[in-house]
Protein backbone atom coordinates (compact mmCIF):
# COMPACT_ATOMS: atom_id res chain seq x y z
CA MET A 1 -38.07 -56.85 -35.08
CA ASN A 2 -35.66 -55.55 -37.72
CA LYS A 3 -32.56 -53.53 -36.13
CA VAL A 4 -29.85 -50.94 -37.75
CA LEU A 5 -26.53 -50.37 -36.84
CA LEU A 6 -25.15 -47.47 -38.12
CA LEU A 7 -20.87 -47.43 -36.87
CA VAL A 8 -19.09 -43.80 -37.24
CA CYS A 9 -15.66 -44.59 -37.21
CA LEU A 10 -13.52 -41.23 -35.52
CA ILE A 11 -10.73 -42.25 -33.84
CA ALA A 12 -13.57 -44.19 -31.93
CA PHE A 13 -16.61 -45.67 -32.98
CA ILE A 14 -19.62 -44.54 -32.72
CA GLY A 15 -22.81 -47.13 -32.63
CA LEU A 16 -26.65 -46.01 -33.57
CA SER A 17 -28.91 -48.79 -33.55
CA LEU A 18 -32.27 -48.65 -35.68
CA MET A 19 -35.30 -50.29 -35.13
CA ALA A 20 -36.70 -50.68 -38.99
CA PRO A 21 -39.71 -48.50 -40.17
CA SER A 22 -43.11 -50.40 -39.49
CA PRO A 23 -45.61 -50.06 -41.84
CA PHE A 24 -48.42 -48.30 -40.08
CA SER A 25 -47.37 -46.62 -36.58
CA ARG A 26 -49.31 -43.77 -34.88
CA ALA A 27 -48.10 -40.54 -33.34
CA GLN A 28 -45.13 -40.25 -31.39
CA SER A 29 -43.19 -38.32 -29.03
CA ALA A 30 -40.04 -37.42 -30.99
CA THR A 31 -39.33 -33.96 -32.02
CA ALA A 32 -40.89 -32.98 -35.75
CA THR A 33 -39.63 -30.24 -37.71
CA PRO A 34 -41.24 -28.13 -37.82
CA THR A 35 -42.98 -28.61 -34.89
CA ALA A 36 -46.23 -25.95 -36.12
CA PHE A 37 -49.71 -27.77 -36.72
CA MET A 38 -52.70 -26.22 -38.25
CA ARG A 39 -55.73 -26.93 -36.80
CA ALA A 40 -58.94 -28.61 -39.73
CA ARG A 41 -61.73 -25.71 -40.41
CA PRO A 42 -64.73 -27.79 -39.22
CA ASN A 43 -66.98 -26.17 -41.99
CA ALA A 44 -64.10 -25.29 -44.69
CA GLU A 45 -64.87 -26.87 -48.03
CA PHE A 46 -61.43 -27.18 -49.00
CA GLN A 47 -58.50 -26.60 -46.49
CA PRO A 48 -55.46 -25.69 -48.08
CA LEU A 49 -52.92 -28.00 -46.91
CA GLN A 50 -48.83 -26.22 -46.19
CA ARG A 51 -46.11 -28.69 -47.44
CA GLY A 52 -44.39 -29.49 -44.06
CA VAL A 53 -47.30 -28.32 -41.57
CA PRO A 54 -49.60 -30.63 -40.41
CA ILE A 55 -53.12 -30.19 -40.32
CA VAL A 56 -54.58 -31.95 -37.30
CA SER A 57 -58.40 -33.45 -37.15
CA GLU A 58 -60.82 -35.20 -35.77
CA LEU A 59 -63.32 -38.01 -37.62
CA ASN A 60 -66.10 -39.12 -34.99
CA ALA A 61 -68.84 -41.08 -37.42
CA ALA A 62 -68.40 -43.07 -40.37
CA ASN A 63 -69.76 -40.41 -42.87
CA ASP A 64 -67.06 -37.93 -41.64
CA VAL A 65 -65.04 -36.39 -44.41
CA ASP A 66 -62.15 -34.22 -44.20
CA ARG A 67 -61.30 -32.16 -47.37
CA PHE A 68 -58.09 -30.55 -48.35
CA ALA A 69 -56.33 -29.21 -51.37
CA VAL A 70 -53.02 -28.58 -52.80
CA PHE A 71 -51.02 -26.99 -55.83
CA ALA A 72 -49.00 -28.77 -57.64
CA ALA A 73 -46.82 -28.59 -60.59
CA ALA A 74 -46.62 -30.96 -63.11
CA GLY A 75 -43.36 -32.96 -62.80
CA GLU A 76 -43.36 -31.94 -58.67
CA VAL A 77 -42.89 -35.33 -56.71
CA ILE A 78 -45.05 -34.79 -53.64
CA SER A 79 -45.93 -37.31 -50.70
CA PHE A 80 -48.99 -37.72 -48.59
CA GLY A 81 -49.76 -39.69 -45.16
CA MET A 82 -52.59 -39.74 -42.74
CA PHE A 83 -51.65 -40.48 -38.97
CA PRO A 84 -53.99 -41.41 -36.36
CA GLU A 85 -52.91 -39.38 -33.10
CA GLU A 86 -51.89 -41.35 -29.81
CA GLY A 87 -54.62 -43.11 -28.35
CA SER A 88 -56.24 -42.67 -31.90
CA ALA A 89 -58.86 -45.47 -32.68
CA LEU A 90 -58.95 -44.53 -36.21
CA VAL A 91 -57.68 -46.40 -39.29
CA PRO A 92 -57.42 -43.81 -41.49
CA ARG A 93 -58.00 -43.89 -45.63
CA PHE A 94 -57.76 -40.79 -47.97
CA GLU A 95 -58.12 -40.27 -52.07
CA VAL A 96 -56.15 -37.82 -54.13
CA TYR A 97 -58.23 -36.36 -56.99
CA ALA A 98 -56.29 -34.68 -59.51
CA PRO A 99 -57.75 -31.02 -61.48
CA ASN A 100 -59.90 -32.79 -64.29
CA GLY A 101 -61.61 -35.30 -60.91
CA GLU A 102 -59.68 -38.33 -61.82
CA ARG A 103 -58.51 -40.25 -58.75
CA VAL A 104 -54.83 -40.78 -59.06
CA ALA A 105 -54.11 -42.08 -55.56
CA ILE A 106 -55.48 -43.73 -52.30
CA GLY A 107 -53.82 -44.09 -48.85
CA ASN A 108 -55.39 -46.94 -46.79
CA ALA A 109 -54.27 -49.46 -44.27
CA PRO A 110 -51.89 -50.99 -43.49
CA PHE A 111 -49.86 -48.11 -44.55
CA ALA A 112 -51.82 -44.97 -45.39
CA ALA A 113 -49.62 -42.76 -47.06
CA VAL A 114 -48.80 -41.61 -51.07
CA ILE A 115 -44.80 -41.98 -51.04
CA GLY A 116 -43.39 -39.93 -54.12
CA TYR A 117 -46.32 -39.52 -55.97
CA ARG A 118 -45.22 -37.86 -59.68
CA VAL A 119 -48.21 -35.00 -60.45
CA PRO A 120 -48.92 -35.15 -64.06
CA ALA A 121 -50.70 -31.76 -64.25
CA THR A 122 -50.35 -27.99 -62.93
CA GLY A 123 -53.26 -27.69 -60.65
CA ALA A 124 -55.27 -27.86 -57.26
CA TYR A 125 -55.59 -31.69 -56.39
CA ILE A 126 -58.15 -32.38 -53.50
CA VAL A 127 -58.06 -34.74 -50.94
CA PHE A 128 -60.71 -36.51 -49.11
CA ALA A 129 -60.02 -38.31 -45.65
CA ARG A 130 -61.88 -40.47 -44.09
CA ALA A 131 -61.86 -43.24 -41.62
CA GLU A 132 -61.74 -47.01 -42.94
CA ARG A 133 -63.25 -48.09 -39.63
CA GLY A 134 -62.61 -46.68 -36.41
CA SER A 135 -62.91 -43.22 -34.90
CA GLY A 136 -60.31 -40.36 -33.56
CA ALA A 137 -57.86 -37.97 -33.97
CA TYR A 138 -54.86 -38.16 -36.81
CA SER A 139 -53.26 -35.58 -38.58
CA PHE A 140 -52.71 -35.39 -42.15
CA TRP A 141 -49.25 -34.63 -44.28
CA VAL A 142 -48.38 -32.86 -47.43
CA ASN A 143 -44.50 -32.53 -48.55
CA SER A 144 -42.49 -32.45 -51.67
CA GLY A 145 -40.14 -35.02 -52.18
CA GLU A 146 -40.34 -38.57 -50.46
CA ILE A 147 -40.18 -37.39 -46.90
CA LEU A 148 -42.90 -36.21 -44.82
CA ARG A 149 -41.30 -35.72 -41.72
CA ASP A 150 -38.02 -34.92 -40.02
CA LEU A 151 -37.52 -36.13 -36.54
CA LEU A 152 -35.04 -34.38 -34.43
CA ARG A 153 -33.12 -37.31 -32.54
CA GLY A 154 -30.64 -35.81 -30.56
CA THR A 155 -26.81 -35.91 -30.34
CA ILE A 156 -24.24 -38.89 -30.95
CA THR A 157 -21.44 -39.13 -28.52
CA PRO A 158 -18.26 -41.04 -29.77
CA ASP A 159 -17.93 -44.46 -27.82
CA GLN A 160 -21.76 -44.21 -26.26
CA PRO A 161 -23.97 -46.06 -28.85
CA THR A 162 -27.44 -44.57 -28.94
CA GLN A 163 -30.66 -46.23 -29.78
CA GLY A 164 -33.54 -44.61 -32.07
CA ALA A 165 -36.05 -46.22 -34.51
CA LEU A 166 -37.46 -45.28 -37.96
CA LEU A 167 -40.91 -45.09 -37.01
CA ARG A 168 -42.42 -44.44 -40.56
CA ARG A 169 -41.25 -45.25 -44.08
CA ALA A 170 -41.63 -41.82 -45.07
CA ASP A 171 -39.81 -40.47 -41.64
CA ARG A 172 -36.08 -39.02 -41.77
CA ASP A 173 -34.21 -39.30 -38.51
CA LEU A 174 -31.86 -36.58 -37.91
CA TRP A 175 -28.51 -36.98 -35.52
CA GLN A 176 -26.00 -34.78 -34.47
CA ILE A 177 -22.53 -34.63 -34.44
CA ALA A 178 -20.00 -32.21 -33.79
CA LEU A 179 -16.69 -32.26 -35.54
CA PRO A 180 -13.61 -30.43 -35.82
CA ARG A 181 -12.45 -29.52 -39.56
CA GLY A 182 -10.32 -32.05 -41.15
CA ALA A 183 -11.45 -35.21 -39.14
CA PRO A 184 -11.72 -38.26 -40.67
CA ILE A 185 -14.85 -40.41 -40.46
CA GLU A 186 -16.31 -43.74 -41.69
CA ILE A 187 -19.71 -45.11 -41.66
CA ALA A 188 -21.32 -48.10 -42.30
CA LEU A 189 -25.13 -48.59 -41.72
CA GLN A 190 -25.56 -52.46 -41.05
CA PRO A 191 -29.72 -53.61 -41.20
CA ASP A 192 -29.22 -57.67 -39.78
CA ASN A 193 -32.60 -57.69 -42.34
CA LEU A 194 -30.55 -57.69 -45.62
CA ALA A 195 -34.27 -57.29 -47.30
CA LEU A 196 -34.45 -53.21 -45.42
CA SER A 197 -33.12 -50.67 -47.71
CA LEU A 198 -32.08 -47.48 -45.87
CA THR A 199 -30.09 -44.06 -47.11
CA LEU A 200 -28.00 -42.25 -45.42
CA GLU A 201 -27.13 -38.47 -45.59
CA ILE A 202 -24.08 -36.19 -43.91
CA VAL A 203 -25.22 -32.98 -44.15
CA ALA A 204 -22.52 -30.09 -42.99
CA PRO A 205 -22.85 -27.19 -40.78
CA ASP A 206 -23.70 -24.52 -43.62
CA GLY A 207 -26.35 -27.07 -44.61
CA THR A 208 -24.28 -28.55 -47.73
CA LEU A 209 -25.18 -32.19 -48.72
CA LEU A 210 -21.78 -33.47 -48.96
CA THR A 211 -23.03 -36.87 -49.60
CA ALA A 212 -25.96 -39.18 -49.94
CA VAL A 213 -25.38 -42.73 -50.03
CA PRO A 214 -27.86 -45.98 -50.27
CA GLY A 215 -26.96 -48.40 -48.27
CA GLY A 216 -25.15 -46.39 -45.89
CA ASP A 217 -21.11 -47.52 -46.69
CA VAL A 218 -19.63 -44.11 -46.53
CA PRO A 219 -15.70 -44.63 -47.63
CA LEU A 220 -12.76 -42.36 -45.45
CA LEU A 221 -14.41 -38.79 -45.45
CA TYR A 222 -12.78 -35.56 -44.21
CA VAL A 223 -14.90 -32.91 -43.27
CA PRO A 224 -14.20 -29.29 -44.41
CA SER A 225 -15.02 -27.68 -41.48
CA ASP A 226 -15.58 -27.41 -37.51
CA GLY A 227 -19.46 -27.42 -36.44
CA ALA A 228 -22.09 -29.74 -36.00
CA TYR A 229 -22.41 -32.30 -38.85
CA THR A 230 -26.20 -33.87 -39.44
CA LEU A 231 -26.44 -37.50 -39.95
CA ARG A 232 -30.04 -38.36 -41.75
CA VAL A 233 -31.21 -41.96 -42.06
CA TYR A 234 -34.56 -42.71 -44.20
CA ALA A 235 -36.25 -45.59 -45.66
CA PRO A 236 -36.60 -45.11 -49.56
CA LYS A 237 -39.87 -45.28 -51.33
CA ALA A 238 -38.80 -48.82 -52.20
CA ALA A 239 -37.94 -50.18 -49.30
């Protein structure tokens, strides 16, 4: 199993050990942001998708199909994902159709997601979700960019290594650390598998993105204010 060590140097080291994302993973119990879910409407012809708000549904027969729709503008980058719920035997598959009726994307096993799709034309994009095999409950996600879920992992404390896991490639793990104004920090993100590509972002308490570093090596950085800083770790599309 690929592991990653995140070292935050602030007088002492803070360690964060991460497992690499698996290509296909069932729903997990980590806290997602947002936590709101929508239930699929059984008789809906095309149920609208909201970015960042998953729809939970169930496929119980081979010919069951759920139909969703999302409006997108030309040039926008969006991502789709269909994931079995905990205990579900469903192996998911979905297809995305452009406003002109052309099939433009397919998500199926082992990684039922389409990450970083650039929309060619403005309009409604239709999704047909079905079972490739098996049956059971699933959640369907759509979001802008290449991240489907933000997962709140917890707080990093100096001198106390923290364990975590990137469960899906389209997940982004969020860790918080409280820092005083002017504190110098250095961060190194070190995967044991050199083929694994990760990105580390540091977000200030006011939401400002201080830095985004492919590979995760952040040189000496002095934080601009007191407060809780967020470290965001994810595997880009190409990882």
